[in-house]
Protein backbone atom coordinates (compact mmCIF):
# COMPACT_ATOMS: atom_id res chain seq x y z
CA MET A 1 4.83 -9.77 24.78
CA LYS A 2 8.32 -8.54 24.46
CA VAL A 3 9.69 -7.80 21.03
CA GLY A 4 12.49 -10.13 20.00
CA THR A 5 11.43 -13.13 22.05
CA PRO A 6 10.43 -16.46 20.66
CA GLN A 7 6.87 -15.78 21.63
CA HIS A 8 6.86 -12.57 19.57
CA ARG A 9 8.13 -14.53 16.65
CA ASP A 10 5.62 -17.26 17.01
CA VAL A 11 2.72 -14.72 17.19
CA PHE A 12 3.66 -12.67 14.16
CA CYS A 13 4.41 -15.65 11.96
CA ARG A 14 1.30 -17.55 13.03
CA THR A 15 -0.94 -14.49 12.62
CA PHE A 16 0.38 -13.97 9.11
CA ILE A 17 -0.06 -17.57 8.15
CA ASP A 18 -3.44 -18.15 9.57
CA GLY A 19 -4.70 -14.97 7.89
CA HIS A 20 -3.93 -16.34 4.41
CA VAL A 21 -7.14 -16.68 2.22
CA ALA A 22 -6.98 -19.08 -0.76
CA TYR A 23 -8.47 -17.63 -4.01
CA GLU A 24 -7.74 -17.31 -7.65
CA PRO A 25 -7.97 -13.96 -9.32
CA GLU A 26 -10.13 -15.04 -12.21
CA ASN A 27 -12.79 -16.40 -9.84
CA LEU A 28 -13.39 -13.03 -8.06
CA PRO A 29 -16.65 -11.21 -8.68
CA TRP A 30 -15.36 -8.78 -11.39
CA PRO A 31 -18.20 -6.42 -12.40
CA GLN A 32 -19.27 -5.14 -15.72
CA LEU A 33 -18.22 -1.42 -15.81
CA GLU A 34 -20.12 1.59 -17.15
CA GLN A 35 -18.27 3.29 -19.91
CA ARG A 36 -17.32 6.29 -17.73
CA TYR A 37 -15.42 3.97 -15.38
CA LEU A 38 -13.79 2.23 -18.27
CA ASP A 39 -12.65 5.46 -19.67
CA ARG A 40 -10.99 6.39 -16.49
CA LEU A 41 -9.19 3.09 -16.22
CA HIS A 42 -7.96 3.45 -19.79
CA ALA A 43 -6.65 6.99 -19.07
CA ILE A 44 -4.37 5.67 -16.34
CA PRO A 45 -0.92 4.69 -17.85
CA PHE A 46 0.60 2.65 -14.95
CA TRP A 47 -0.82 -0.80 -15.29
CA GLY A 48 2.23 -2.32 -16.90
CA ILE A 49 4.39 -0.98 -14.13
CA ALA A 50 1.97 -2.23 -11.41
CA LYS A 51 2.00 -5.70 -12.91
CA ALA A 52 5.84 -5.78 -13.17
CA MET A 53 6.23 -4.52 -9.79
CA GLU A 54 4.11 -7.34 -8.34
CA ARG A 55 5.94 -9.95 -10.32
CA LYS A 56 9.26 -8.64 -9.13
CA ALA A 57 8.10 -8.66 -5.50
CA GLY A 58 6.93 -12.29 -5.92
CA ILE A 59 10.27 -13.45 -7.28
CA MET A 60 12.35 -11.52 -4.73
CA VAL A 61 10.31 -12.44 -1.67
CA SER A 62 10.20 -16.10 -2.64
CA ALA A 63 13.91 -16.22 -3.21
CA PHE A 64 14.61 -14.42 0.04
CA ALA A 65 12.52 -16.99 1.92
CA GLN A 66 14.92 -19.81 0.78
CA THR A 67 17.88 -18.07 2.37
CA LEU A 68 16.20 -17.94 5.99
CA ASP A 69 17.29 -20.39 8.66
CA ASP A 70 14.39 -20.03 11.02
CA PRO A 71 11.72 -22.47 9.71
CA LYS A 72 8.85 -20.43 11.07
CA ILE A 73 9.97 -17.17 9.59
CA ARG A 74 10.87 -19.01 6.31
CA GLU A 75 7.35 -20.41 6.04
CA ALA A 76 5.75 -16.89 6.58
CA VAL A 77 8.02 -15.19 4.11
CA ALA A 78 7.46 -18.01 1.49
CA LEU A 79 3.70 -17.48 1.83
CA GLN A 80 4.16 -13.78 1.34
CA GLY A 81 6.03 -14.57 -1.88
CA VAL A 82 2.98 -16.70 -3.01
CA GLU A 83 0.67 -13.75 -2.26
CA GLU A 84 2.80 -11.31 -4.15
CA ALA A 85 2.79 -13.63 -7.14
CA ARG A 86 -0.93 -13.89 -6.90
CA HIS A 87 -1.20 -10.09 -6.91
CA ALA A 88 0.71 -10.15 -10.19
CA ARG A 89 -1.71 -12.59 -11.67
CA LEU A 90 -4.62 -10.40 -10.38
CA MET A 91 -3.17 -7.47 -12.20
CA ALA A 92 -2.71 -9.49 -15.36
CA HIS A 93 -6.39 -10.74 -15.23
CA PHE A 94 -7.66 -7.15 -14.43
CA ILE A 95 -5.70 -5.74 -17.42
CA GLU A 96 -6.93 -8.38 -19.84
CA ARG A 97 -10.63 -8.32 -18.53
CA TYR A 98 -10.99 -4.59 -19.15
CA GLY A 99 -8.83 -4.35 -22.14
CA LEU A 100 -6.23 -1.96 -20.56
CA THR A 101 -3.07 -0.90 -22.17
CA ALA A 102 -0.05 -2.33 -20.29
CA HIS A 103 3.38 -2.59 -21.91
CA GLU A 104 5.46 -5.48 -20.91
CA ILE A 105 8.37 -4.41 -18.71
CA ASP A 106 11.59 -6.38 -18.17
CA ILE A 107 12.19 -6.96 -14.53
CA SER A 108 15.23 -7.95 -12.54
CA ALA A 109 14.63 -8.96 -9.02
CA GLY A 110 18.19 -8.75 -7.99
CA ASP A 111 19.91 -10.81 -5.20
CA PRO A 112 17.62 -12.02 -2.37
CA VAL A 113 19.39 -10.33 0.42
CA LYS A 114 18.08 -8.98 3.72
CA GLU A 115 18.83 -5.42 2.66
CA GLN A 116 16.54 -5.73 -0.39
CA PHE A 117 13.81 -7.23 1.72
CA VAL A 118 14.04 -4.40 4.18
CA VAL A 119 13.84 -1.73 1.35
CA PHE A 120 10.83 -3.51 -0.18
CA GLY A 121 9.10 -3.75 3.24
CA TYR A 122 9.37 -0.03 3.84
CA GLU A 123 8.21 0.75 0.30
CA GLU A 124 5.18 -1.50 0.94
CA CYS A 125 4.46 0.58 4.16
CA VAL A 126 4.27 3.70 2.19
CA ASP A 127 2.41 2.11 -0.71
CA PHE A 128 -0.17 0.67 1.83
CA PHE A 129 -0.70 3.98 3.42
CA MET A 130 -1.16 5.60 -0.03
CA GLY A 131 -3.28 2.87 -1.34
CA VAL A 132 -5.89 2.77 1.42
CA GLY A 133 -6.46 6.49 1.25
CA LEU A 134 -6.86 6.56 -2.59
CA LEU A 135 -9.06 3.53 -2.45
CA ARG A 136 -11.47 5.00 0.20
CA LEU A 137 -11.73 8.26 -1.74
CA ALA A 138 -12.28 6.38 -5.06
CA THR A 139 -15.47 4.93 -3.47
CA ARG A 140 -16.62 8.03 -1.56
CA LEU A 141 -16.13 10.41 -4.59
CA ASP A 142 -17.37 7.80 -7.13
CA ILE A 143 -14.14 7.66 -9.00
CA PHE A 144 -14.68 3.98 -9.44
CA PRO A 145 -17.63 1.79 -8.50
CA ALA A 146 -17.85 0.20 -5.09
CA ASN A 147 -18.03 -3.41 -6.52
CA LEU A 148 -14.70 -2.93 -8.25
CA VAL A 149 -13.13 -1.16 -5.29
CA SER A 150 -14.08 -4.04 -2.99
CA ILE A 151 -11.81 -6.39 -4.96
CA PHE A 152 -8.84 -4.15 -4.38
CA ASP A 153 -10.01 -3.57 -0.78
CA SER A 154 -9.32 -7.24 -0.20
CA VAL A 155 -5.86 -6.98 -1.76
CA LEU A 156 -5.10 -4.12 0.70
CA VAL A 157 -6.27 -6.27 3.56
CA GLU A 158 -3.54 -8.68 2.46
CA GLU A 159 -1.07 -5.76 2.33
CA ALA A 160 -2.09 -4.86 5.86
CA ARG A 161 -0.86 -8.29 6.90
CA HIS A 162 2.35 -7.88 4.84
CA VAL A 163 3.37 -4.59 6.34
CA THR A 164 2.55 -5.73 9.91
CA PHE A 165 4.54 -8.94 9.37
CA PHE A 166 7.40 -6.91 7.97
CA ILE A 167 7.47 -4.44 10.87
CA ASN A 168 7.37 -7.20 13.43
CA TRP A 169 9.98 -9.22 11.66
CA PHE A 170 12.25 -6.25 11.35
CA ARG A 171 11.84 -5.31 15.08
CA TYR A 172 12.44 -8.93 15.97
CA GLU A 173 15.68 -9.08 14.00
CA GLU A 174 16.95 -5.63 15.36
CA ALA A 175 16.09 -6.67 18.90
CA ARG A 176 17.96 -9.88 18.51
CA ALA A 177 20.95 -7.90 17.22
CA GLY A 178 20.77 -5.45 20.19
CA ARG A 179 19.66 -2.55 17.85
CA ASP A 180 16.06 -2.07 19.20
CA GLY A 181 16.66 1.00 21.29
CA THR A 182 14.09 3.80 20.86
CA LEU A 183 16.39 6.36 19.26
CA GLY A 184 18.14 4.09 16.94
CA ARG A 185 14.85 2.52 15.82
CA HIS A 186 13.25 5.74 14.93
CA VAL A 187 16.39 6.95 13.10
CA THR A 188 16.45 3.82 11.05
CA ALA A 189 12.65 4.07 10.40
CA ILE A 190 12.91 7.75 9.33
CA LYS A 191 15.86 6.84 6.95
CA ASN A 192 14.00 4.01 5.28
CA TYR A 193 10.71 5.87 4.99
CA PHE A 194 12.56 8.90 3.52
CA GLY A 195 13.89 6.80 0.68
CA SER A 196 10.47 5.37 0.01
CA ILE A 197 8.73 8.82 0.07
CA LYS A 198 11.34 10.21 -2.36
CA ALA A 199 10.21 7.53 -4.89
CA LEU A 200 6.61 8.68 -4.27
CA VAL A 201 7.45 12.36 -4.79
CA ARG A 202 9.22 11.44 -8.08
CA SER A 203 6.09 9.58 -9.24
CA LEU A 204 3.92 12.53 -8.50
CA GLY A 205 6.26 14.60 -10.70
CA GLY A 206 5.68 12.22 -13.60
CA GLU A 207 8.76 9.93 -13.26
CA GLU A 208 8.42 6.21 -13.56
CA THR A 209 8.26 4.31 -10.25
CA THR A 210 7.66 0.79 -9.06
CA GLY A 211 5.20 1.53 -6.27
CA PHE A 212 1.54 0.46 -7.25
CA ALA A 213 -0.34 3.18 -5.47
CA ALA A 214 2.45 5.77 -6.04
CA ALA A 215 2.56 5.02 -9.79
CA GLY A 216 -1.03 5.96 -10.24
CA ALA A 217 -1.28 8.72 -7.71
CA SER A 218 -0.69 11.60 -10.13
CA ARG A 219 -3.83 10.50 -12.09
CA LEU A 220 -6.12 9.81 -9.19
CA VAL A 221 -5.46 12.80 -6.91
CA GLU A 222 -7.01 15.47 -9.25
CA GLY A 223 -9.63 17.28 -7.20
CA ILE A 224 -8.53 15.87 -3.88
CA THR A 225 -7.03 18.13 -1.28
CA PRO A 226 -4.16 17.03 0.98
CA ALA A 227 -6.39 17.29 4.00
CA MET A 228 -8.96 14.93 2.28
CA PHE A 229 -6.38 12.43 1.43
CA LEU A 230 -4.77 12.35 4.85
CA GLU A 231 -8.18 12.02 6.58
CA ALA A 232 -9.06 9.05 4.42
CA ALA A 233 -5.61 7.42 4.63
CA LEU A 234 -5.54 7.69 8.42
CA ALA A 235 -9.03 6.38 8.84
CA GLU A 236 -8.50 3.34 6.66
CA ASN A 237 -5.00 2.71 8.06
CA ARG A 238 -6.72 2.49 11.52
CA ARG A 239 -9.44 0.27 10.28
CA MET A 240 -7.37 -2.24 8.39
CA LEU A 241 -4.48 -2.60 10.84
CA GLY A 242 -7.04 -2.71 13.62
CA LEU A 243 -8.24 -6.08 12.21
CA LEU A 244 -5.03 -7.73 13.16
CA ASP A 245 -3.78 -9.09 16.57
CA ARG A 246 -3.44 -6.15 18.96
CA ARG A 247 -0.34 -7.63 20.47
CA LEU A 248 1.69 -7.01 17.30
CA VAL A 249 3.69 -3.91 16.50
CA LYS A 250 1.92 -1.77 13.71
CA PRO A 251 3.58 0.66 11.41
CA ALA A 252 3.31 3.89 13.30
CA LEU A 253 5.81 6.53 12.17
CA LEU A 254 4.21 7.38 8.85
CA PRO A 255 0.60 7.64 10.45
CA THR A 256 2.06 9.67 13.22
CA LEU A 257 3.65 12.22 10.93
CA ALA A 258 0.57 12.28 8.67
CA ALA A 259 -1.68 13.05 11.58
CA ALA A 260 0.73 15.94 12.55
CA VAL A 261 0.45 17.32 9.09
CA LEU A 262 -3.26 17.04 9.02
CA THR A 263 -3.41 18.99 12.39
CA VAL A 264 -1.39 21.77 10.79
CA LEU A 265 -3.54 21.88 7.66
CA ARG A 266 -6.66 22.07 9.72
CA ALA A 267 -5.23 25.08 11.75
CA LEU A 268 -4.53 27.03 8.56
CA PRO A 269 -6.93 29.73 7.67
CA PRO A 270 -9.31 28.81 4.78
CA ARG A 271 -8.08 29.63 1.34
CA PRO A 272 -9.85 32.36 -0.54
CA GLN A 273 -12.82 31.13 -2.70
CA ALA A 274 -11.70 30.50 -6.24
CA PRO A 275 -13.59 32.15 -9.10
CA ALA A 276 -16.48 30.07 -10.55
CA LEU A 277 -15.12 27.10 -12.55
CA SER A 278 -15.52 26.84 -16.19
CA ALA A 279 -17.60 24.01 -17.63
CA ARG A 280 -14.36 22.12 -18.41
CA ALA A 281 -12.68 22.54 -15.03
CA ALA A 282 -12.53 19.84 -12.45
CA PRO A 283 -15.22 19.93 -9.76
CA GLN A 284 -14.18 21.61 -6.39
CA ALA A 285 -13.08 18.92 -3.94
CA ARG A 286 -15.12 18.26 -0.90
CA SER A 287 -13.78 17.40 2.59
CA PHE A 288 -13.76 13.68 3.40
CA GLU A 289 -16.30 14.19 6.19
CA ASN A 290 -18.67 15.91 3.81
CA SER A 291 -18.17 13.08 1.33
CA VAL A 292 -19.09 10.38 3.91
CA ALA A 293 -22.18 12.50 4.93
CA ALA A 294 -23.43 12.91 1.33
């Protein structure tokens, strides 16, 4: 299947639309949580940002869909807008159910133009890669209970559909404009990913950001080494994207770079053993493979 052809468009649109699952957030199997898990949730300050980001995405994507001429692409993008708005409702229900602090944040979705949708799409690719890694580790290291993580696992399956649809739509548009050459495509991807990763770095430094996974990363990565995170993110990235039609283009640049960094980290000599931890210190992180085996 050649990128940029009507067949390519039909497959990535139909795959996205057929993958939609109807549900309402309040009807999901939300668990009762032990106090230690509730305390962790209450210690994370980004719930208001996460809800606002999803609301902004729903408004922007829905408005952008109405500007599209191709009826098949318009239908798919409109459905993504519905799912983004549902993610906002899910966050609102989650916040209310567990009594979390979430300050209301004014949002402005801006003009529904192609450039904004492209920026959002690349940010979702970074957010998805971050989110699947953090979620897998949250289960393996018992940061949060599996029955809560499974709900957000379903959300990330939807995000896998979103990023795959976006990458195929973007490649389709670039091919139709005669800009889908290998060099130009990679330069464009690097430029867009770089902007998204800069937002992530700012979030790790404590600045406010709009990315769901990025916004909470600084509170969730304590005790997790870079190698652990990359192992988890790459494994989940392969698993979730592997659920989708093999004929479709999948986000590849970020996983490729992450795999290269992981190879370098594994080749480095082991760090000297740290002195014994005090009773109040965080526990020493285990490798992802050891966590799975435990």
